[in-house]
Amino acid sequence: MAKIEIGITQKLTVVRTAEFGVYLGLPGKDPEEAVLLPKKQVPGSAHIGSEITVFVYRDSEDRIIATTNIPLVKRGQFGYLKVKGVTKVGAFLDWGLEKDLFMPFKEQEEPVRAGDKVMVYVYLDKSGRLCASGKLYARLKSAGYREFKDNDDFTGVVYRTEKEHGVFVAVFPKKEADLAGEFALDELYFGLIPPTEAFRKYRVGELVTGRVMRVRKDRKLDVSERGKIPEMLDKDGETILKKIDEYGGALPFSEGASPEIIKRELSMSKNAFKRALGHLLKAGKIEIKEEEVIRK
């Protein structure tokens, strides 16, 4: 049965007028179930029977109300929104309406701060209010092989970080990648930067780009900010040479160094370090010793 729905854009009909606005409803339904469109938003040509496209939500007094302003994101969509403020009960996000979108603390992967941008999903809570959730994992989809292939470029937003498992990324569909979160998205995909590729600290809400390392059997994506191996050899080599210069001409560790030291000092994996050393050695730019690497 058709009904007025909260959180979506819909065409409603003017069923009665009032001094402070017009009431909108569905044809053939009880006029008492109509919602108010405030006077300042009523088109000048509106009359009984006029159709008006509106968004329906709850105002600051928790009343169901209509607006001709369309928010940045609607119910059932993902949006990359700015945090306007944080209170004792949660955060409030700018979604383009007079009343900000509420994000409860329990729906935050990590505490957000005013000025942050976060990727959220808009849902209807048990009391019928529109709210935002930063807990995206259960709401993401597997990309599948048709959408992404190994070594494809990707754009996404960090929504969770775990030392053991890596950095969780909500990946944009290819056709939406250039939007960088400027518009609402109907779906996002599972992405993960494995711990072996997480060479720096990531924060929730951070926009990241890079390549798809592999499409896994479950059709989720392992991703990395680093390029393909051939493309990274020169870049990693320059990183090593710069670090050698910082140490006065001799890097105080060599191929036998632990992955932790290499990651801390150079932000690369041990395998990438050894590949880059081989590349520099072949070019005659370094000398590799047991405990150090010397620049020639």
Protein backbone atom coordinates (compact mmCIF):
# COMPACT_ATOMS: atom_id res chain seq x y z
CA MET A 1 0.00 0.00 0.00
CA ALA A 2 1.39 3.40 -0.97
CA LYS A 3 2.35 5.67 1.90
CA ILE A 4 4.39 8.76 2.60
CA GLU A 5 7.93 7.59 3.31
CA ILE A 6 10.57 9.24 5.43
CA GLY A 7 14.02 9.72 3.93
CA ILE A 8 13.31 9.69 0.20
CA THR A 9 12.31 12.16 -2.50
CA GLN A 10 8.70 11.76 -3.65
CA LYS A 11 5.90 13.56 -5.46
CA LEU A 12 3.05 14.53 -3.13
CA THR A 13 -0.17 16.37 -3.76
CA VAL A 14 -1.46 19.51 -2.03
CA VAL A 15 -4.54 18.30 -0.12
CA ARG A 16 -5.23 21.36 2.06
CA THR A 17 -3.82 24.76 2.79
CA ALA A 18 -3.04 26.63 6.00
CA GLU A 19 -1.73 30.03 7.02
CA PHE A 20 1.71 28.56 7.70
CA GLY A 21 2.01 26.35 4.59
CA VAL A 22 0.33 23.54 2.71
CA TYR A 23 -0.31 19.93 3.61
CA LEU A 24 0.85 17.27 1.16
CA GLY A 25 -0.50 13.77 0.84
CA LEU A 26 -1.19 10.91 -1.53
CA PRO A 27 -4.31 10.87 -3.74
CA GLY A 28 -7.12 8.83 -2.18
CA LYS A 29 -5.52 8.76 1.28
CA ASP A 30 -6.75 10.32 4.51
CA PRO A 31 -5.94 14.08 4.38
CA GLU A 32 -5.10 13.88 8.09
CA GLU A 33 -2.04 11.75 7.15
CA ALA A 34 -0.65 14.64 5.12
CA VAL A 35 2.66 16.33 5.98
CA LEU A 36 3.37 20.04 6.22
CA LEU A 37 5.42 21.93 3.66
CA PRO A 38 6.31 25.26 5.36
CA LYS A 39 5.05 28.43 3.69
CA LYS A 40 8.52 29.73 2.76
CA GLN A 41 9.01 26.66 0.54
CA VAL A 42 5.61 26.55 -1.14
CA PRO A 43 5.83 27.40 -4.88
CA GLY A 44 3.81 30.49 -5.76
CA SER A 45 1.66 28.58 -8.23
CA ALA A 46 0.71 25.80 -5.78
CA HIS A 47 -2.98 25.06 -5.21
CA ILE A 48 -5.16 22.16 -4.10
CA GLY A 49 -4.29 19.25 -6.38
CA SER A 50 -0.79 20.53 -7.30
CA GLU A 51 2.01 17.97 -7.28
CA ILE A 52 5.25 19.00 -5.54
CA THR A 53 8.50 17.03 -5.35
CA VAL A 54 9.71 17.01 -1.75
CA PHE A 55 11.97 15.21 0.71
CA VAL A 56 10.29 14.00 3.91
CA TYR A 57 12.10 13.84 7.28
CA ARG A 58 11.68 14.83 10.94
CA ASP A 59 12.35 18.39 12.05
CA SER A 60 14.12 19.56 15.23
CA GLU A 61 10.90 18.94 17.20
CA ASP A 62 10.67 15.40 15.83
CA ARG A 63 7.65 16.19 13.62
CA ILE A 64 7.38 14.65 10.15
CA ILE A 65 7.81 17.49 7.67
CA ALA A 66 8.41 18.05 3.95
CA THR A 67 11.03 20.22 2.27
CA THR A 68 11.72 21.14 -1.34
CA ASN A 69 15.45 21.17 -0.47
CA ILE A 70 17.07 17.89 -1.47
CA PRO A 71 19.78 16.56 0.89
CA LEU A 72 23.20 15.35 -0.23
CA VAL A 73 22.28 11.78 0.72
CA LYS A 74 18.99 9.94 1.26
CA ARG A 75 17.86 6.85 3.14
CA GLY A 76 19.65 3.72 1.95
CA GLN A 77 22.52 5.66 0.38
CA PHE A 78 26.16 6.33 1.25
CA GLY A 79 27.45 9.88 1.58
CA TYR A 80 30.83 11.49 2.29
CA LEU A 81 29.78 14.18 4.77
CA LYS A 82 31.43 16.84 6.93
CA VAL A 83 31.09 16.73 10.71
CA LYS A 84 29.64 20.06 11.89
CA GLY A 85 29.82 19.36 15.60
CA VAL A 86 29.99 16.78 18.37
CA THR A 87 27.85 16.67 21.54
CA LYS A 88 27.42 14.30 24.48
CA VAL A 89 25.03 12.13 22.46
CA GLY A 90 26.85 11.95 19.13
CA ALA A 91 27.93 13.89 16.07
CA PHE A 92 25.96 16.05 13.66
CA LEU A 93 26.72 16.01 9.94
CA ASP A 94 26.07 18.56 7.22
CA TRP A 95 23.81 16.96 4.61
CA GLY A 96 22.38 20.13 3.11
CA LEU A 97 19.23 20.59 5.22
CA GLU A 98 18.43 23.01 8.06
CA LYS A 99 18.43 20.15 10.56
CA ASP A 100 21.79 18.33 10.60
CA LEU A 101 22.00 14.54 10.26
CA PHE A 102 22.60 12.76 13.58
CA MET A 103 25.35 10.13 13.94
CA PRO A 104 25.13 8.29 17.30
CA PHE A 105 28.35 7.37 19.10
CA LYS A 106 27.46 3.69 18.79
CA GLU A 107 27.49 4.05 15.00
CA GLN A 108 31.05 5.44 14.89
CA GLU A 109 34.02 3.14 14.22
CA GLU A 110 36.27 5.78 15.85
CA PRO A 111 35.28 9.06 17.53
CA VAL A 112 34.87 11.82 14.94
CA ARG A 113 35.72 15.49 15.36
CA ALA A 114 34.24 18.72 14.01
CA GLY A 115 35.67 19.38 10.56
CA ASP A 116 36.25 15.69 9.74
CA LYS A 117 34.74 14.12 6.64
CA VAL A 118 33.35 10.61 7.02
CA MET A 119 31.67 8.08 4.77
CA VAL A 120 28.30 7.13 6.26
CA TYR A 121 25.20 5.13 5.45
CA VAL A 122 21.80 6.72 6.09
CA TYR A 123 19.22 4.54 7.83
CA LEU A 124 15.93 4.82 9.70
CA ASP A 125 16.27 4.03 13.41
CA LYS A 126 13.67 2.23 15.54
CA SER A 127 11.91 5.50 16.37
CA GLY A 128 11.59 6.47 12.71
CA ARG A 129 14.38 9.06 12.67
CA LEU A 130 16.98 9.34 9.93
CA CYS A 131 20.47 8.69 11.26
CA ALA A 132 23.98 8.15 9.88
CA SER A 133 26.21 5.14 10.51
CA GLY A 134 29.95 4.89 9.97
CA LYS A 135 29.84 1.13 10.49
CA LEU A 136 29.87 0.12 6.86
CA TYR A 137 31.22 -3.43 6.72
CA ALA A 138 27.86 -5.24 6.71
CA ARG A 139 26.48 -2.78 4.15
CA LEU A 140 29.19 -3.16 1.49
CA LYS A 141 29.06 -5.43 -1.56
CA SER A 142 31.57 -7.75 -3.22
CA ALA A 143 32.83 -6.05 -6.36
CA GLY A 144 33.02 -9.11 -8.58
CA TYR A 145 35.31 -9.62 -11.54
CA ARG A 146 33.17 -7.55 -13.92
CA GLU A 147 33.66 -4.37 -11.90
CA PHE A 148 37.37 -4.70 -11.03
CA LYS A 149 40.37 -6.70 -12.21
CA ASP A 150 43.85 -7.04 -10.75
CA ASN A 151 45.89 -3.82 -11.15
CA ASP A 152 42.86 -1.61 -11.84
CA ASP A 153 42.91 1.83 -10.24
CA PHE A 154 40.60 2.41 -7.27
CA THR A 155 39.31 5.27 -5.12
CA GLY A 156 37.84 4.74 -1.67
CA VAL A 157 37.40 6.00 1.88
CA VAL A 158 38.90 4.47 5.04
CA TYR A 159 36.17 3.43 7.50
CA ARG A 160 38.05 1.17 9.96
CA THR A 161 41.66 0.43 10.93
CA GLU A 162 42.88 -2.73 12.67
CA LYS A 163 46.52 -3.54 13.39
CA GLU A 164 45.96 -7.26 12.87
CA HIS A 165 43.80 -7.21 9.72
CA GLY A 166 44.73 -3.95 8.01
CA VAL A 167 42.91 -0.85 6.77
CA PHE A 168 39.29 -1.30 5.70
CA VAL A 169 38.31 0.77 2.68
CA ALA A 170 34.89 1.42 1.14
CA VAL A 171 35.70 1.37 -2.58
CA PHE A 172 33.75 3.48 -5.08
CA PRO A 173 32.33 1.87 -8.23
CA LYS A 174 34.58 2.66 -11.21
CA LYS A 175 32.09 5.03 -12.80
CA GLU A 176 31.87 7.02 -9.55
CA ALA A 177 35.61 7.14 -8.78
CA ASP A 178 36.15 10.66 -10.12
CA LEU A 179 33.37 12.06 -7.93
CA ALA A 180 35.58 11.63 -4.84
CA GLY A 181 32.49 11.39 -2.65
CA GLU A 182 30.87 14.63 -3.80
CA PHE A 183 27.56 12.88 -4.43
CA ALA A 184 25.55 10.10 -2.80
CA LEU A 185 26.35 6.53 -3.79
CA ASP A 186 23.92 3.64 -3.89
CA GLU A 187 26.62 1.02 -3.34
CA LEU A 188 30.23 0.68 -2.22
CA TYR A 189 32.56 -2.34 -2.31
CA PHE A 190 34.69 -4.25 0.19
CA GLY A 191 38.33 -3.14 0.08
CA LEU A 192 41.25 -3.95 2.38
CA ILE A 193 44.79 -2.59 2.57
CA PRO A 194 46.58 -5.60 4.11
CA PRO A 195 48.98 -4.94 7.01
CA THR A 196 51.91 -5.67 4.66
CA GLU A 197 50.83 -2.70 2.51
CA ALA A 198 49.90 -0.29 5.31
CA PHE A 199 53.14 1.69 5.62
CA ARG A 200 51.70 4.69 7.43
CA LYS A 201 48.93 5.63 9.82
CA TYR A 202 45.48 5.94 8.29
CA ARG A 203 42.54 7.80 9.75
CA VAL A 204 38.85 7.03 9.41
CA GLY A 205 37.32 9.22 6.70
CA GLU A 206 40.54 9.55 4.71
CA LEU A 207 40.19 9.45 0.92
CA VAL A 208 42.68 6.98 -0.63
CA THR A 209 43.60 6.02 -4.18
CA GLY A 210 45.84 3.35 -5.67
CA ARG A 211 45.51 0.00 -7.40
CA VAL A 212 43.70 -3.27 -6.87
CA MET A 213 46.35 -5.81 -5.90
CA ARG A 214 44.00 -8.75 -6.37
CA VAL A 215 40.34 -9.67 -6.62
CA ARG A 216 39.96 -12.43 -4.02
CA LYS A 217 37.91 -15.61 -4.42
CA ASP A 218 35.14 -14.05 -2.31
CA ARG A 219 35.21 -11.13 -4.80
CA LYS A 220 36.43 -8.68 -2.16
CA LEU A 221 39.38 -6.45 -3.04
CA ASP A 222 42.91 -6.30 -1.64
CA VAL A 223 44.14 -2.81 -2.48
CA SER A 224 47.30 -0.74 -2.10
CA GLU A 225 48.39 2.87 -2.49
CA ARG A 226 51.58 1.62 -4.10
CA GLY A 227 51.87 1.20 -7.87
CA LYS A 228 52.89 -1.86 -9.88
CA ILE A 229 56.37 -3.29 -9.19
CA PRO A 230 58.06 -1.88 -12.33
CA GLU A 231 56.62 1.55 -11.62
CA MET A 232 57.77 1.47 -7.99
CA LEU A 233 61.40 0.45 -8.55
CA ASP A 234 62.62 3.95 -9.39
CA LYS A 235 60.44 5.56 -6.71
CA ASP A 236 61.57 3.14 -4.00
CA GLY A 237 65.16 3.52 -5.15
CA GLU A 238 64.95 7.29 -4.74
CA THR A 239 63.45 6.82 -1.27
CA ILE A 240 66.41 4.63 -0.26
CA LEU A 241 68.99 7.05 -1.70
CA LYS A 242 67.37 9.96 0.14
CA LYS A 243 67.44 8.01 3.40
CA ILE A 244 71.12 7.10 2.82
CA ASP A 245 71.88 10.80 2.41
CA GLU A 246 70.02 11.59 5.64
CA TYR A 247 72.30 9.10 7.40
CA GLY A 248 75.41 10.73 5.95
CA GLY A 249 76.09 8.32 3.10
CA ALA A 250 75.58 4.93 4.75
CA LEU A 251 72.24 3.29 5.60
CA PRO A 252 72.72 1.59 9.01
CA PHE A 253 70.91 -1.61 7.96
CA SER A 254 70.93 -3.89 4.96
CA GLU A 255 68.99 -6.77 3.34
CA GLY A 256 68.88 -8.72 6.60
CA ALA A 257 67.00 -5.99 8.47
CA SER A 258 63.65 -6.85 10.02
CA PRO A 259 60.44 -5.92 8.17
CA GLU A 260 59.56 -3.62 11.10
CA ILE A 261 62.75 -1.55 10.72
CA ILE A 262 62.29 -1.26 6.95
CA LYS A 263 58.66 -0.24 7.30
CA ARG A 264 59.49 2.33 9.99
CA GLU A 265 62.42 3.88 8.13
CA LEU A 266 61.32 3.61 4.50
CA SER A 267 57.55 2.93 4.45
CA MET A 268 57.93 -0.13 2.23
CA SER A 269 57.87 -3.89 2.60
CA LYS A 270 61.01 -5.99 2.93
CA ASN A 271 60.42 -7.49 -0.53
CA ALA A 272 60.10 -4.02 -2.06
CA PHE A 273 63.26 -2.95 -0.22
CA LYS A 274 65.26 -5.88 -1.58
CA ARG A 275 63.94 -5.33 -5.12
CA ALA A 276 64.89 -1.66 -4.99
CA LEU A 277 68.36 -2.48 -3.62
CA GLY A 278 68.90 -4.85 -6.54
CA HIS A 279 67.76 -2.16 -8.94
CA LEU A 280 70.18 0.40 -7.42
CA LEU A 281 73.04 -2.10 -7.32
CA LYS A 282 72.58 -2.93 -11.00
CA ALA A 283 72.65 0.80 -11.78
CA GLY A 284 75.93 1.13 -9.85
CA LYS A 285 74.51 3.61 -7.35
CA ILE A 286 75.11 1.65 -4.12
CA GLU A 287 77.31 -0.94 -2.46
CA ILE A 288 75.54 -3.53 -0.33
CA LYS A 289 77.36 -4.73 2.78
CA GLU A 290 76.27 -7.12 5.54
CA GLU A 291 75.23 -4.42 8.02
CA GLU A 292 74.86 -1.32 5.86
CA VAL A 293 74.21 0.09 2.37
CA ILE A 294 76.66 2.67 1.06
CA ARG A 295 76.02 5.20 -1.65
CA LYS A 296 78.64 5.40 -4.38
